[in-house]
PDB file of N, CA and C in Angstrom:
ATOM      1  N   MET A   1      26.511  -9.818  21.261  1.00  0.00           N
ATOM      2  CA  MET A   1      25.456 -10.737  21.044  1.00  0.00           C
ATOM      3  C   MET A   1      24.064  -9.988  21.582  1.00  0.00           C
ATOM      4  N   VAL A   2      24.371  -9.308  22.737  1.00  0.00           N
ATOM      5  CA  VAL A   2      23.159  -8.584  23.160  1.00  0.00           C
ATOM      6  C   VAL A   2      22.617  -7.339  22.170  1.00  0.00           C
ATOM      7  N   GLY A   3      23.627  -6.741  21.479  1.00  0.00           N
ATOM      8  CA  GLY A   3      23.453  -5.948  20.606  1.00  0.00           C
ATOM      9  C   GLY A   3      22.787  -6.410  19.367  1.00  0.00           C
ATOM     10  N   ASN A   4      23.093  -7.630  18.910  1.00  0.00           N
ATOM     11  CA  ASN A   4      22.605  -8.139  18.074  1.00  0.00           C
ATOM     12  C   ASN A   4      21.150  -8.442  18.319  1.00  0.00           C
ATOM     13  N   ASP A   5      20.815  -8.968  19.347  1.00  0.00           N
ATOM     14  CA  ASP A   5      19.477  -9.374  19.675  1.00  0.00           C
ATOM     15  C   ASP A   5      18.685  -8.152  19.690  1.00  0.00           C
ATOM     16  N   PHE A   6      19.371  -6.856  20.120  1.00  0.00           N
ATOM     17  CA  PHE A   6      18.733  -5.671  20.463  1.00  0.00           C
ATOM     18  C   PHE A   6      18.097  -5.201  18.842  1.00  0.00           C
ATOM     19  N   PHE A   7      18.800  -5.648  17.668  1.00  0.00           N
ATOM     20  CA  PHE A   7      18.667  -4.973  16.496  1.00  0.00           C
ATOM     21  C   PHE A   7      17.850  -5.731  15.912  1.00  0.00           C
ATOM     22  N   VAL A   8      17.691  -7.206  16.222  1.00  0.00           N
ATOM     23  CA  VAL A   8      16.649  -8.056  15.718  1.00  0.00           C
ATOM     24  C   VAL A   8      15.417  -7.565  16.099  1.00  0.00           C
ATOM     25  N   VAL A   9      15.253  -7.225  17.281  1.00  0.00           N
ATOM     26  CA  VAL A   9      13.844  -6.934  18.057  1.00  0.00           C
ATOM     27  C   VAL A   9      13.540  -5.473  17.311  1.00  0.00           C
ATOM     28  N   GLY A  10      14.434  -4.747  17.091  1.00  0.00           N
ATOM     29  CA  GLY A  10      14.257  -3.297  16.345  1.00  0.00           C
ATOM     30  C   GLY A  10      13.751  -3.522  15.104  1.00  0.00           C
ATOM     31  N   ASN A  11      14.585  -4.333  14.330  1.00  0.00           N
ATOM     32  CA  ASN A  11      13.929  -4.701  12.915  1.00  0.00           C
ATOM     33  C   ASN A  11      12.355  -5.343  12.969  1.00  0.00           C
ATOM     34  N   ASP A  12      12.012  -6.268  13.845  1.00  0.00           N
ATOM     35  CA  ASP A  12      10.954  -6.825  13.974  1.00  0.00           C
ATOM     36  C   ASP A  12       9.881  -5.611  14.384  1.00  0.00           C
ATOM     37  N   PHE A  13      10.170  -4.830  15.203  1.00  0.00           N
ATOM     38  CA  PHE A  13       9.308  -3.551  15.587  1.00  0.00           C
ATOM     39  C   PHE A  13       9.241  -2.802  14.251  1.00  0.00           C
ATOM     40  N   TRP A  14      10.087  -2.392  13.542  1.00  0.00           N
ATOM     41  CA  TRP A  14       9.942  -1.689  12.337  1.00  0.00           C
ATOM     42  C   TRP A  14       8.863  -2.377  11.644  1.00  0.00           C
ATOM     43  N   MET A  15       9.204  -3.619  11.251  1.00  0.00           N
ATOM     44  CA  MET A  15       8.445  -4.292  10.282  1.00  0.00           C
ATOM     45  C   MET A  15       6.861  -4.268  10.743  1.00  0.00           C
ATOM     46  N   VAL A  16       6.492  -4.462  11.800  1.00  0.00           N
ATOM     47  CA  VAL A  16       5.260  -4.026  12.487  1.00  0.00           C
ATOM     48  C   VAL A  16       4.595  -3.237  12.232  1.00  0.00           C
ATOM     49  N   VAL A  17       5.556  -2.068  12.640  1.00  0.00           N
ATOM     50  CA  VAL A  17       5.090  -0.638  12.254  1.00  0.00           C
ATOM     51  C   VAL A  17       4.832  -0.315  10.761  1.00  0.00           C
ATOM     52  N   ASP A  18       5.566  -0.909   9.889  1.00  0.00           N
ATOM     53  CA  ASP A  18       5.358  -0.891   8.394  1.00  0.00           C
ATOM     54  C   ASP A  18       4.109  -1.545   8.179  1.00  0.00           C
ATOM     55  N   ASP A  19       3.905  -2.785   8.692  1.00  0.00           N
ATOM     56  CA  ASP A  19       2.500  -3.507   8.429  1.00  0.00           C
ATOM     57  C   ASP A  19       1.387  -2.504   8.956  1.00  0.00           C
ATOM     58  N   PHE A  20       1.662  -1.769   9.891  1.00  0.00           N
ATOM     59  CA  PHE A  20       0.453  -1.022  10.683  1.00  0.00           C
ATOM     60  C   PHE A  20       0.306   0.295   9.643  1.00  0.00           C
ATOM     61  N   CYS A  21       1.325   0.571   9.196  1.00  0.00           N
ATOM     62  CA  CYS A  21       1.310   1.774   8.291  1.00  0.00           C
ATOM     63  C   CYS A  21       0.553   1.430   6.872  1.00  0.00           C
ATOM     64  N   MET A  22       0.798   0.299   6.238  1.00  0.00           N
ATOM     65  CA  MET A  22       0.191  -0.194   5.218  1.00  0.00           C
ATOM     66  C   MET A  22      -1.411  -0.434   5.387  1.00  0.00           C
ATOM     67  N   VAL A  23      -1.550  -0.960   6.703  1.00  0.00           N
ATOM     68  CA  VAL A  23      -3.157  -1.221   7.006  1.00  0.00           C
ATOM     69  C   VAL A  23      -3.677   0.166   7.097  1.00  0.00           C
ATOM     70  N   GLY A  24      -2.950   1.192   7.685  1.00  0.00           N
ATOM     71  CA  GLY A  24      -3.572   2.647   7.788  1.00  0.00           C
ATOM     72  C   GLY A  24      -3.819   3.278   6.230  1.00  0.00           C
ATOM     73  N   ASN A  25      -2.765   3.010   5.587  1.00  0.00           N
ATOM     74  CA  ASN A  25      -3.113   3.396   4.077  1.00  0.00           C
ATOM     75  C   ASN A  25      -4.328   2.857   3.546  1.00  0.00           C
ATOM     76  N   ASP A  26      -4.493   1.434   3.464  1.00  0.00           N
ATOM     77  CA  ASP A  26      -5.530   0.885   3.168  1.00  0.00           C
ATOM     78  C   ASP A  26      -6.693   1.593   3.595  1.00  0.00           C
ATOM     79  N   PHE A  27      -7.026   1.684   5.146  1.00  0.00           N
ATOM     80  CA  PHE A  27      -7.947   2.474   5.600  1.00  0.00           C
ATOM     81  C   PHE A  27      -8.397   3.568   4.925  1.00  0.00           C
ATOM     82  N   PHE A  28      -7.347   4.579   4.835  1.00  0.00           N
ATOM     83  CA  PHE A  28      -7.401   5.643   4.249  1.00  0.00           C
ATOM     84  C   PHE A  28      -7.958   5.720   2.904  1.00  0.00           C
ATOM     85  N   MET A  29      -7.494   4.650   2.121  1.00  0.00           N
ATOM     86  CA  MET A  29      -8.102   4.445   0.811  1.00  0.00           C
ATOM     87  C   MET A  29      -9.874   3.939   0.686  1.00  0.00           C
ATOM     88  N   VAL A  30      -9.936   3.344   1.687  1.00  0.00           N
ATOM     89  CA  VAL A  30     -11.484   2.938   1.878  1.00  0.00           C
ATOM     90  C   VAL A  30     -12.247   4.174   2.242  1.00  0.00           C
ATOM     91  N   VAL A  31     -11.679   5.076   3.161  1.00  0.00           N
ATOM     92  CA  VAL A  31     -12.423   6.437   3.580  1.00  0.00           C
ATOM     93  C   VAL A  31     -12.580   7.270   2.414  1.00  0.00           C
ATOM     94  N   ASP A  32     -11.331   7.248   1.604  1.00  0.00           N
ATOM     95  CA  ASP A  32     -11.612   8.042   0.513  1.00  0.00           C
ATOM     96  C   ASP A  32     -12.609   7.702  -0.592  1.00  0.00           C
ATOM     97  N   ASP A  33     -12.858   6.136  -0.879  1.00  0.00           N
ATOM     98  CA  ASP A  33     -13.766   5.690  -1.622  1.00  0.00           C
ATOM     99  C   ASP A  33     -15.321   6.095  -0.986  1.00  0.00           C
ATOM    100  N   PHE A  34     -15.243   5.983   0.133  1.00  0.00           N
ATOM    101  CA  PHE A  34     -16.513   6.452   0.936  1.00  0.00           C
ATOM    102  C   PHE A  34     -16.835   7.654   0.622  1.00  0.00           C
ATOM    103  N   ARG A  35     -15.981   8.689   0.671  1.00  0.00           N
ATOM    104  CA  ARG A  35     -15.966  10.155   0.534  1.00  0.00           C
ATOM    105  C   ARG A  35     -16.524  10.390  -1.119  1.00  0.00           C
ATOM    106  N   VAL A  36     -15.982   9.584  -2.066  1.00  0.00           N
ATOM    107  CA  VAL A  36     -16.289   9.865  -3.511  1.00  0.00           C
ATOM    108  C   VAL A  36     -17.718   9.252  -3.518  1.00  0.00           C
ATOM    109  N   VAL A  37     -18.337   8.036  -2.940  1.00  0.00           N
ATOM    110  CA  VAL A  37     -19.369   7.834  -2.993  1.00  0.00           C
ATOM    111  C   VAL A  37     -20.424   8.710  -2.241  1.00  0.00           C
ATOM    112  N   GLY A  38     -19.936   9.063  -1.090  1.00  0.00           N
ATOM    113  CA  GLY A  38     -21.045  10.191  -0.405  1.00  0.00           C
ATOM    114  C   GLY A  38     -21.104  11.492  -1.123  1.00  0.00           C
ATOM    115  N   ASN A  39     -19.965  12.044  -1.864  1.00  0.00           N
ATOM    116  CA  ASN A  39     -20.089  13.002  -2.934  1.00  0.00           C
ATOM    117  C   ASN A  39     -21.047  12.967  -3.864  1.00  0.00           C
ATOM    118  N   ASP A  40     -20.951  11.580  -4.661  1.00  0.00           N
ATOM    119  CA  ASP A  40     -22.031  11.418  -5.519  1.00  0.00           C
ATOM    120  C   ASP A  40     -23.413  11.472  -5.039  1.00  0.00           C
ATOM    121  N   PHE A  41     -23.327  10.851  -3.955  1.00  0.00           N
ATOM    122  CA  PHE A  41     -24.880  10.752  -3.240  1.00  0.00           C
ATOM    123  C   PHE A  41     -25.309  12.291  -3.023  1.00  0.00           C
ATOM    124  N   TRP A  42     -24.534  13.145  -2.499  1.00  0.00           N
ATOM    125  CA  TRP A  42     -24.868  14.367  -2.401  1.00  0.00           C
ATOM    126  C   TRP A  42     -25.368  15.301  -3.660  1.00  0.00           C
ATOM    127  N   VAL A  43     -24.413  14.919  -4.445  1.00  0.00           N
ATOM    128  CA  VAL A  43     -24.752  15.676  -5.866  1.00  0.00           C
ATOM    129  C   VAL A  43     -25.970  15.288  -6.411  1.00  0.00           C
ATOM    130  N   ALA A  44     -26.477  13.661  -6.454  1.00  0.00           N
ATOM    131  CA  ALA A  44     -27.544  13.412  -7.010  1.00  0.00           C
ATOM    132  C   ALA A  44     -28.868  13.879  -6.184  1.00  0.00           C
ATOM    133  N   ALA A  45     -28.318  14.054  -4.529  1.00  0.00           N
ATOM    134  CA  ALA A  45     -29.714  14.234  -3.871  1.00  0.00           C
ATOM    135  C   ALA A  45     -29.799  15.869  -4.229  1.00  0.00           C
ATOM    136  N   ASP A  46     -28.811  16.728  -4.507  1.00  0.00           N
ATOM    137  CA  ASP A  46     -29.197  18.042  -4.772  1.00  0.00           C
ATOM    138  C   ASP A  46     -29.941  18.116  -6.084  1.00  0.00           C
ATOM    139  N   ASP A  47     -29.415  17.261  -6.871  1.00  0.00           N
ATOM    140  CA  ASP A  47     -30.290  17.452  -8.374  1.00  0.00           C
ATOM    141  C   ASP A  47     -31.650  17.047  -8.023  1.00  0.00           C
ATOM    142  N   PHE A  48     -31.906  15.813  -7.307  1.00  0.00           N
ATOM    143  CA  PHE A  48     -33.156  15.542  -7.081  1.00  0.00           C
ATOM    144  C   PHE A  48     -33.741  16.611  -6.414  1.00  0.00           C
ATOM    145  N   PHE A  49     -33.512  17.064  -5.268  1.00  0.00           N
ATOM    146  CA  PHE A  49     -34.191  18.198  -4.534  1.00  0.00           C
ATOM    147  C   PHE A  49     -34.300  19.661  -5.390  1.00  0.00           C
ATOM    148  N   GLY A  50     -33.286  19.565  -6.084  1.00  0.00           N
ATOM    149  CA  GLY A  50     -33.501  20.805  -7.222  1.00  0.00           C
ATOM    150  C   GLY A  50     -34.551  20.703  -8.001  1.00  0.00           C
ATOM    151  N   VAL A  51     -34.811  19.508  -8.751  1.00  0.00           N
ATOM    152  CA  VAL A  51     -35.816  19.497  -9.531  1.00  0.00           C
ATOM    153  C   VAL A  51     -37.258  19.432  -8.792  1.00  0.00           C
ATOM    154  N   GLU A  52     -37.121  18.973  -7.419  1.00  0.00           N
ATOM    155  CA  GLU A  52     -38.400  18.711  -6.826  1.00  0.00           C
ATOM    156  C   GLU A  52     -38.724  20.135  -6.189  1.00  0.00           C
ATOM    157  N   TYR A  53     -37.775  21.237  -6.004  1.00  0.00           N
ATOM    158  CA  TYR A  53     -38.253  22.488  -5.328  1.00  0.00           C
ATOM    159  C   TYR A  53     -38.481  23.444  -6.694  1.00  0.00           C
ATOM    160  N   PHE A  54     -37.761  23.127  -7.716  1.00  0.00           N
ATOM    161  CA  PHE A  54     -37.995  24.026  -8.950  1.00  0.00           C
ATOM    162  C   PHE A  54     -38.824  23.511 -10.065  1.00  0.00           C
TER     163      PHE A  54
END
């Protein structure tokens, strides 16, 4: 019985870990989207300043 309870708690623990990893993946997806937007911004800024300077 104690062994079974231990495995139940273990399963709950891994479910929480999986949920945490899913949230982590979503976070990194948002970070990647932010980087893409940031890169577009810098490309646009380079184009703008390139035109301004030349």
